[in-house]
Amino acid sequence: MKEVNIEKCPYCGGEEWIEGNVSSMMSGVCVSKGIANRNANLFATVCRDCGSVIRLFCKTPENLYPKKERRA
């Protein structure tokens, strides 16, 4: 996974982040391919100053599509 560098919150200009797992039974990403389902947990980067969710991401995108199967 490529590193994403967030310098400032686009909403308030804050520069401090909290990163954590989005905790809910429905918070994962699920990809259906044929009869097999693949999933990965979602994580959020939240601005410590205003509480805005700056980014949602999964740390294991290869669980959704192995590189050899990814679309161009």
C-alpha atoms as a PDB file:
ATOM      1  CA  MET A   1       0.000   0.000   0.000  1.00  0.00           C
ATOM      2  CA  LYS A   2       1.309   3.435  -0.904  1.00  0.00           C
ATOM      3  CA  GLU A   3       1.936   5.934   1.873  1.00  0.00           C
ATOM      4  CA  VAL A   4      -0.498   8.871   1.911  1.00  0.00           C
ATOM      5  CA  ASN A   5       0.808  12.108   3.406  1.00  0.00           C
ATOM      6  CA  ILE A   6      -1.869  14.461   4.739  1.00  0.00           C
ATOM      7  CA  GLU A   7      -0.402  17.839   5.639  1.00  0.00           C
ATOM      8  CA  LYS A   8      -3.466  19.853   6.697  1.00  0.00           C
ATOM      9  CA  CYS A   9      -7.127  19.263   7.347  1.00  0.00           C
ATOM     10  CA  PRO A  10      -9.033  20.667   4.354  1.00  0.00           C
ATOM     11  CA  TYR A  11     -11.807  21.864   6.698  1.00  0.00           C
ATOM     12  CA  CYS A  12      -9.999  23.673   9.528  1.00  0.00           C
ATOM     13  CA  GLY A  13      -6.281  23.591   8.671  1.00  0.00           C
ATOM     14  CA  GLY A  14      -5.482  21.341  11.631  1.00  0.00           C
ATOM     15  CA  GLU A  15      -2.295  19.280  11.566  1.00  0.00           C
ATOM     16  CA  GLU A  16      -2.923  16.560  14.165  1.00  0.00           C
ATOM     17  CA  TRP A  17      -4.633  13.240  13.359  1.00  0.00           C
ATOM     18  CA  ILE A  18      -6.229  10.337  15.112  1.00  0.00           C
ATOM     19  CA  GLU A  19      -6.271   7.058  13.211  1.00  0.00           C
ATOM     20  CA  GLY A  20      -8.461   4.154  14.169  1.00  0.00           C
ATOM     21  CA  ASN A  21     -10.591   1.235  13.099  1.00  0.00           C
ATOM     22  CA  VAL A  22     -14.138   2.105  12.048  1.00  0.00           C
ATOM     23  CA  SER A  23     -16.044  -0.069  14.500  1.00  0.00           C
ATOM     24  CA  SER A  24     -19.342  -1.341  13.249  1.00  0.00           C
ATOM     25  CA  MET A  25     -20.555  -4.661  11.972  1.00  0.00           C
ATOM     26  CA  MET A  26     -21.094  -3.052   8.546  1.00  0.00           C
ATOM     27  CA  SER A  27     -17.871  -1.028   8.368  1.00  0.00           C
ATOM     28  CA  GLY A  28     -15.819  -3.286   6.125  1.00  0.00           C
ATOM     29  CA  VAL A  29     -15.385  -3.241   2.382  1.00  0.00           C
ATOM     30  CA  CYS A  30     -16.667  -6.323   0.620  1.00  0.00           C
ATOM     31  CA  VAL A  31     -15.970  -7.268  -2.993  1.00  0.00           C
ATOM     32  CA  SER A  32     -17.948 -10.041  -4.654  1.00  0.00           C
ATOM     33  CA  LYS A  33     -16.243 -11.961  -7.414  1.00  0.00           C
ATOM     34  CA  GLY A  34     -18.248 -14.907  -8.594  1.00  0.00           C
ATOM     35  CA  ILE A  35     -19.337 -16.801  -5.520  1.00  0.00           C
ATOM     36  CA  ALA A  36     -16.375 -15.721  -3.373  1.00  0.00           C
ATOM     37  CA  ASN A  37     -16.567 -12.630  -1.185  1.00  0.00           C
ATOM     38  CA  ARG A  38     -13.459 -10.814  -0.061  1.00  0.00           C
ATOM     39  CA  ASN A  39     -13.364  -8.189   2.651  1.00  0.00           C
ATOM     40  CA  ALA A  40     -11.066  -5.804   4.500  1.00  0.00           C
ATOM     41  CA  ASN A  41     -11.561  -3.641   7.589  1.00  0.00           C
ATOM     42  CA  LEU A  42     -11.998   0.101   7.186  1.00  0.00           C
ATOM     43  CA  PHE A  43      -9.857   2.612   9.048  1.00  0.00           C
ATOM     44  CA  ALA A  44     -10.343   6.367   9.401  1.00  0.00           C
ATOM     45  CA  THR A  45      -8.026   9.327   9.735  1.00  0.00           C
ATOM     46  CA  VAL A  46      -9.783  11.991  11.825  1.00  0.00           C
ATOM     47  CA  CYS A  47      -8.712  15.610  12.413  1.00  0.00           C
ATOM     48  CA  ARG A  48      -7.988  16.067  16.110  1.00  0.00           C
ATOM     49  CA  ASP A  49      -9.065  19.735  15.985  1.00  0.00           C
ATOM     50  CA  CYS A  50     -12.466  19.610  14.249  1.00  0.00           C
ATOM     51  CA  GLY A  51     -13.285  15.877  14.194  1.00  0.00           C
ATOM     52  CA  SER A  52     -13.719  15.682  10.418  1.00  0.00           C
ATOM     53  CA  VAL A  53     -13.035  12.340   8.770  1.00  0.00           C
ATOM     54  CA  ILE A  54     -10.204  13.154   6.359  1.00  0.00           C
ATOM     55  CA  ARG A  55      -9.710   9.698   4.919  1.00  0.00           C
ATOM     56  CA  LEU A  56     -11.289   6.240   4.908  1.00  0.00           C
ATOM     57  CA  PHE A  57      -9.044   3.366   3.829  1.00  0.00           C
ATOM     58  CA  CYS A  58      -8.258  -0.310   4.217  1.00  0.00           C
ATOM     59  CA  LYS A  59      -4.766  -1.326   5.264  1.00  0.00           C
ATOM     60  CA  THR A  60      -4.926  -4.578   3.330  1.00  0.00           C
ATOM     61  CA  PRO A  61      -6.204  -3.792  -0.182  1.00  0.00           C
ATOM     62  CA  GLU A  62      -4.627  -7.030  -1.387  1.00  0.00           C
ATOM     63  CA  ASN A  63      -7.401  -8.847   0.514  1.00  0.00           C
ATOM     64  CA  LEU A  64      -9.898  -7.297  -1.907  1.00  0.00           C
ATOM     65  CA  TYR A  65      -7.980  -7.930  -5.121  1.00  0.00           C
ATOM     66  CA  PRO A  66      -4.560  -9.563  -5.309  1.00  0.00           C
ATOM     67  CA  LYS A  67      -2.273  -7.457  -7.516  1.00  0.00           C
ATOM     68  CA  LYS A  68      -2.349  -9.959 -10.358  1.00  0.00           C
ATOM     69  CA  GLU A  69      -6.176  -9.630 -10.521  1.00  0.00           C
ATOM     70  CA  ARG A  70      -6.426  -5.838 -10.236  1.00  0.00           C
ATOM     71  CA  ARG A  71      -7.948  -3.882 -13.016  1.00  0.00           C
ATOM     72  CA  ALA A  72      -5.805  -1.361 -14.882  1.00  0.00           C
END
